[in-house]
Amino acid sequence: MSTTINKQVIRDFVAALNDRSGEGWVQLLSPSVIDHNKIIFGEEDAPGAAIEGFRLQLAAFSTEAAGDGFHIEQLIAEDDEVVARLRVAGVHTGYHARMPEPTNRRCDVEQIWIFTVRAGRIAEIRAVSDRLGMFLQLGWDWPTMD
């Protein structure tokens, strides 16, 4: 597939993540998608586990205010990989097993995702996020390693 088509897959994926009325984004993920570097620590690194991980993360943050959601700031593509620099904003209103109780505080952070697109679907995801910024904005304590 061309880099133009692969970039469109990512644009469609982000648009579908922002459409909270359905799960159109699932159709853009390979059933065996692997999310190597999850935004939330502790998610399973098994084929397909990213789908449930996305569901949990979407449920944890509301996006009612203008400007909330996932916003593509930059897309760069080479071969089957697409790098997306995103701004992600929302309010922590929902439950997630690996997050503190909802704070009802707003969070607006930058993330960089590297997608591998195969046969028109996302096969692999690597992501890094401004976790310190997220923790400070949400009033969370920095986790300790036990």
C-alpha atoms as a PDB file:
ATOM      1  CA  MET A   1       0.000   0.000   0.000  1.00  0.00           C
ATOM      2  CA  SER A   2       1.140   3.530  -0.617  1.00  0.00           C
ATOM      3  CA  THR A   3       2.151   5.914   2.136  1.00  0.00           C
ATOM      4  CA  THR A   4      -0.819   8.089   1.152  1.00  0.00           C
ATOM      5  CA  ILE A   5      -3.239   5.211   1.766  1.00  0.00           C
ATOM      6  CA  ASN A   6      -1.492   4.245   5.022  1.00  0.00           C
ATOM      7  CA  LYS A   7      -1.748   7.829   6.292  1.00  0.00           C
ATOM      8  CA  GLN A   8      -5.454   7.816   5.447  1.00  0.00           C
ATOM      9  CA  VAL A   9      -5.904   4.638   7.522  1.00  0.00           C
ATOM     10  CA  ILE A  10      -4.465   6.537  10.501  1.00  0.00           C
ATOM     11  CA  ARG A  11      -6.630   9.603   9.837  1.00  0.00           C
ATOM     12  CA  ASP A  12      -9.682   7.324   9.697  1.00  0.00           C
ATOM     13  CA  PHE A  13      -8.598   5.557  12.904  1.00  0.00           C
ATOM     14  CA  VAL A  14      -8.223   8.832  14.814  1.00  0.00           C
ATOM     15  CA  ALA A  15     -11.560  10.107  13.481  1.00  0.00           C
ATOM     16  CA  ALA A  16     -13.209   6.859  14.584  1.00  0.00           C
ATOM     17  CA  LEU A  17     -11.638   7.137  18.072  1.00  0.00           C
ATOM     18  CA  ASN A  18     -13.197  10.591  18.324  1.00  0.00           C
ATOM     19  CA  ASP A  19     -16.612   9.225  17.310  1.00  0.00           C
ATOM     20  CA  ARG A  20     -17.747   7.967  20.695  1.00  0.00           C
ATOM     21  CA  SER A  21     -21.052   6.693  19.268  1.00  0.00           C
ATOM     22  CA  GLY A  22     -19.575   3.463  17.959  1.00  0.00           C
ATOM     23  CA  GLU A  23     -16.528   1.293  17.534  1.00  0.00           C
ATOM     24  CA  GLY A  24     -15.634   1.962  13.910  1.00  0.00           C
ATOM     25  CA  TRP A  25     -12.001   2.158  14.990  1.00  0.00           C
ATOM     26  CA  VAL A  26     -11.967  -1.610  15.690  1.00  0.00           C
ATOM     27  CA  GLN A  27     -12.402  -2.330  11.961  1.00  0.00           C
ATOM     28  CA  LEU A  28      -9.154  -0.471  11.263  1.00  0.00           C
ATOM     29  CA  LEU A  29      -7.163  -2.700  13.619  1.00  0.00           C
ATOM     30  CA  SER A  30      -5.930  -6.130  12.644  1.00  0.00           C
ATOM     31  CA  PRO A  31      -7.569  -8.727  14.933  1.00  0.00           C
ATOM     32  CA  SER A  32      -4.029  -9.656  16.022  1.00  0.00           C
ATOM     33  CA  VAL A  33      -2.810  -6.065  16.490  1.00  0.00           C
ATOM     34  CA  ILE A  34       0.010  -5.724  19.009  1.00  0.00           C
ATOM     35  CA  ASP A  35       0.406  -2.556  21.091  1.00  0.00           C
ATOM     36  CA  HIS A  36       4.058  -2.706  22.171  1.00  0.00           C
ATOM     37  CA  ASN A  37       4.295   0.425  24.321  1.00  0.00           C
ATOM     38  CA  LYS A  38       0.947   1.102  25.904  1.00  0.00           C
ATOM     39  CA  ILE A  39       0.020   4.527  27.189  1.00  0.00           C
ATOM     40  CA  ILE A  40      -1.251   2.927  30.408  1.00  0.00           C
ATOM     41  CA  PHE A  41       1.287   0.732  32.234  1.00  0.00           C
ATOM     42  CA  GLY A  42       0.433  -2.933  32.644  1.00  0.00           C
ATOM     43  CA  GLU A  43      -1.734  -3.638  29.615  1.00  0.00           C
ATOM     44  CA  GLU A  44      -1.209  -7.054  28.123  1.00  0.00           C
ATOM     45  CA  ASP A  45       1.231  -7.256  25.194  1.00  0.00           C
ATOM     46  CA  ALA A  46      -0.613 -10.056  23.371  1.00  0.00           C
ATOM     47  CA  PRO A  47      -2.123 -10.154  19.879  1.00  0.00           C
ATOM     48  CA  GLY A  48      -5.498  -8.404  19.948  1.00  0.00           C
ATOM     49  CA  ALA A  49      -5.194  -7.169  23.555  1.00  0.00           C
ATOM     50  CA  ALA A  50      -4.886  -3.583  22.314  1.00  0.00           C
ATOM     51  CA  ILE A  51      -8.549  -3.587  21.314  1.00  0.00           C
ATOM     52  CA  GLU A  52      -9.762  -3.992  24.895  1.00  0.00           C
ATOM     53  CA  GLY A  53      -7.042  -1.590  26.062  1.00  0.00           C
ATOM     54  CA  PHE A  54      -8.416   1.113  23.757  1.00  0.00           C
ATOM     55  CA  ARG A  55     -11.953   0.456  25.014  1.00  0.00           C
ATOM     56  CA  LEU A  56     -10.836   0.949  28.619  1.00  0.00           C
ATOM     57  CA  GLN A  57      -8.894   4.116  27.834  1.00  0.00           C
ATOM     58  CA  LEU A  58     -11.764   5.632  25.848  1.00  0.00           C
ATOM     59  CA  ALA A  59     -14.166   4.893  28.711  1.00  0.00           C
ATOM     60  CA  ALA A  60     -11.861   6.590  31.232  1.00  0.00           C
ATOM     61  CA  PHE A  61     -11.871  10.010  29.544  1.00  0.00           C
ATOM     62  CA  SER A  62     -14.855  12.083  28.463  1.00  0.00           C
ATOM     63  CA  THR A  63     -14.601  14.419  25.491  1.00  0.00           C
ATOM     64  CA  GLU A  64     -17.604  16.725  25.775  1.00  0.00           C
ATOM     65  CA  ALA A  65     -15.732  20.040  25.678  1.00  0.00           C
ATOM     66  CA  ALA A  66     -14.646  21.712  22.457  1.00  0.00           C
ATOM     67  CA  GLY A  67     -11.085  20.705  21.664  1.00  0.00           C
ATOM     68  CA  ASP A  68     -11.271  17.390  23.513  1.00  0.00           C
ATOM     69  CA  GLY A  69     -10.321  14.143  21.811  1.00  0.00           C
ATOM     70  CA  PHE A  70      -7.474  13.025  19.586  1.00  0.00           C
ATOM     71  CA  HIS A  71      -5.969  15.655  17.272  1.00  0.00           C
ATOM     72  CA  ILE A  72      -3.395  14.887  14.603  1.00  0.00           C
ATOM     73  CA  GLU A  73      -0.662  17.509  14.652  1.00  0.00           C
ATOM     74  CA  GLN A  74       1.673  15.751  12.211  1.00  0.00           C
ATOM     75  CA  LEU A  75       1.792  12.561  10.096  1.00  0.00           C
ATOM     76  CA  ILE A  76       4.955  11.129   8.553  1.00  0.00           C
ATOM     77  CA  ALA A  77       4.944   7.908   6.524  1.00  0.00           C
ATOM     78  CA  GLU A  78       7.596   5.601   5.121  1.00  0.00           C
ATOM     79  CA  ASP A  79       6.842   2.194   3.629  1.00  0.00           C
ATOM     80  CA  ASP A  80       4.310   0.502   5.950  1.00  0.00           C
ATOM     81  CA  GLU A  81       4.939   2.758   8.958  1.00  0.00           C
ATOM     82  CA  VAL A  82       3.130   5.972   9.877  1.00  0.00           C
ATOM     83  CA  VAL A  83       4.277   8.247  12.695  1.00  0.00           C
ATOM     84  CA  ALA A  84       1.561  10.414  14.215  1.00  0.00           C
ATOM     85  CA  ARG A  85       2.191  13.273  16.610  1.00  0.00           C
ATOM     86  CA  LEU A  86      -1.072  13.802  18.469  1.00  0.00           C
ATOM     87  CA  ARG A  87      -2.529  16.145  21.031  1.00  0.00           C
ATOM     88  CA  VAL A  88      -4.936  14.231  23.252  1.00  0.00           C
ATOM     89  CA  ALA A  89      -7.322  16.024  25.616  1.00  0.00           C
ATOM     90  CA  GLY A  90     -10.205  15.014  27.842  1.00  0.00           C
ATOM     91  CA  VAL A  91     -11.551  14.825  31.378  1.00  0.00           C
ATOM     92  CA  HIS A  92     -10.816  11.811  33.578  1.00  0.00           C
ATOM     93  CA  THR A  93     -14.394  10.792  34.430  1.00  0.00           C
ATOM     94  CA  GLY A  94     -14.454   7.014  34.029  1.00  0.00           C
ATOM     95  CA  TYR A  95     -13.075   3.936  35.694  1.00  0.00           C
ATOM     96  CA  HIS A  96      -9.973   2.109  34.443  1.00  0.00           C
ATOM     97  CA  ALA A  97      -8.470  -0.813  36.358  1.00  0.00           C
ATOM     98  CA  ARG A  98      -4.922   0.599  36.129  1.00  0.00           C
ATOM     99  CA  MET A  99      -5.738   4.231  36.904  1.00  0.00           C
ATOM    100  CA  PRO A 100      -6.611   5.993  40.149  1.00  0.00           C
ATOM    101  CA  GLU A 101     -10.256   6.810  40.801  1.00  0.00           C
ATOM    102  CA  PRO A 102     -11.707   9.417  38.414  1.00  0.00           C
ATOM    103  CA  THR A 103     -10.508  12.921  39.253  1.00  0.00           C
ATOM    104  CA  ASN A 104     -12.857  14.899  36.973  1.00  0.00           C
ATOM    105  CA  ARG A 105      -9.795  16.911  35.982  1.00  0.00           C
ATOM    106  CA  ARG A 106      -8.813  17.887  32.454  1.00  0.00           C
ATOM    107  CA  CYS A 107      -5.723  16.502  30.793  1.00  0.00           C
ATOM    108  CA  ASP A 108      -4.110  17.731  27.557  1.00  0.00           C
ATOM    109  CA  VAL A 109      -0.893  15.979  26.508  1.00  0.00           C
ATOM    110  CA  GLU A 110       1.216  15.244  23.468  1.00  0.00           C
ATOM    111  CA  GLN A 111       1.684  11.675  22.278  1.00  0.00           C
ATOM    112  CA  ILE A 112       3.720  10.122  19.486  1.00  0.00           C
ATOM    113  CA  TRP A 113       2.447   6.902  17.953  1.00  0.00           C
ATOM    114  CA  ILE A 114       4.202   4.708  15.394  1.00  0.00           C
ATOM    115  CA  PHE A 115       1.769   2.542  13.457  1.00  0.00           C
ATOM    116  CA  THR A 116       2.591  -0.382  11.185  1.00  0.00           C
ATOM    117  CA  VAL A 117      -0.118  -0.731   8.527  1.00  0.00           C
ATOM    118  CA  ARG A 118      -0.533  -4.008   6.651  1.00  0.00           C
ATOM    119  CA  ALA A 119      -3.292  -4.775   4.139  1.00  0.00           C
ATOM    120  CA  GLY A 120      -5.133  -1.582   5.074  1.00  0.00           C
ATOM    121  CA  ARG A 121      -5.269  -2.313   8.815  1.00  0.00           C
ATOM    122  CA  ILE A 122      -3.134  -1.361  11.792  1.00  0.00           C
ATOM    123  CA  ALA A 123      -0.965  -4.359  12.707  1.00  0.00           C
ATOM    124  CA  GLU A 124       1.352  -2.839  15.323  1.00  0.00           C
ATOM    125  CA  ILE A 125       1.370   0.230  17.544  1.00  0.00           C
ATOM    126  CA  ARG A 126       4.173   1.820  19.520  1.00  0.00           C
ATOM    127  CA  ALA A 127       3.405   4.927  21.538  1.00  0.00           C
ATOM    128  CA  VAL A 128       4.990   7.339  23.966  1.00  0.00           C
ATOM    129  CA  SER A 129       3.143   9.970  25.938  1.00  0.00           C
ATOM    130  CA  ASP A 130       3.872  12.879  28.221  1.00  0.00           C
ATOM    131  CA  ARG A 131       3.039  10.776  31.270  1.00  0.00           C
ATOM    132  CA  LEU A 132       4.525  13.232  33.754  1.00  0.00           C
ATOM    133  CA  GLY A 133       2.359  15.989  32.286  1.00  0.00           C
ATOM    134  CA  MET A 134      -0.681  13.712  32.473  1.00  0.00           C
ATOM    135  CA  PHE A 135      -0.004  12.774  36.102  1.00  0.00           C
ATOM    136  CA  LEU A 136       0.535  16.397  37.135  1.00  0.00           C
ATOM    137  CA  GLN A 137      -2.607  17.625  35.363  1.00  0.00           C
ATOM    138  CA  LEU A 138      -4.741  14.853  36.860  1.00  0.00           C
ATOM    139  CA  GLY A 139      -3.264  15.186  40.360  1.00  0.00           C
ATOM    140  CA  TRP A 140      -2.053  11.596  40.430  1.00  0.00           C
ATOM    141  CA  ASP A 141       0.868  10.368  42.511  1.00  0.00           C
ATOM    142  CA  TRP A 142       3.802   9.048  40.525  1.00  0.00           C
ATOM    143  CA  PRO A 143       3.764   5.235  40.839  1.00  0.00           C
ATOM    144  CA  THR A 144       6.502   3.394  42.667  1.00  0.00           C
ATOM    145  CA  MET A 145       7.939   0.051  41.650  1.00  0.00           C
ATOM    146  CA  ASP A 146       7.264  -2.719  44.147  1.00  0.00           C
END
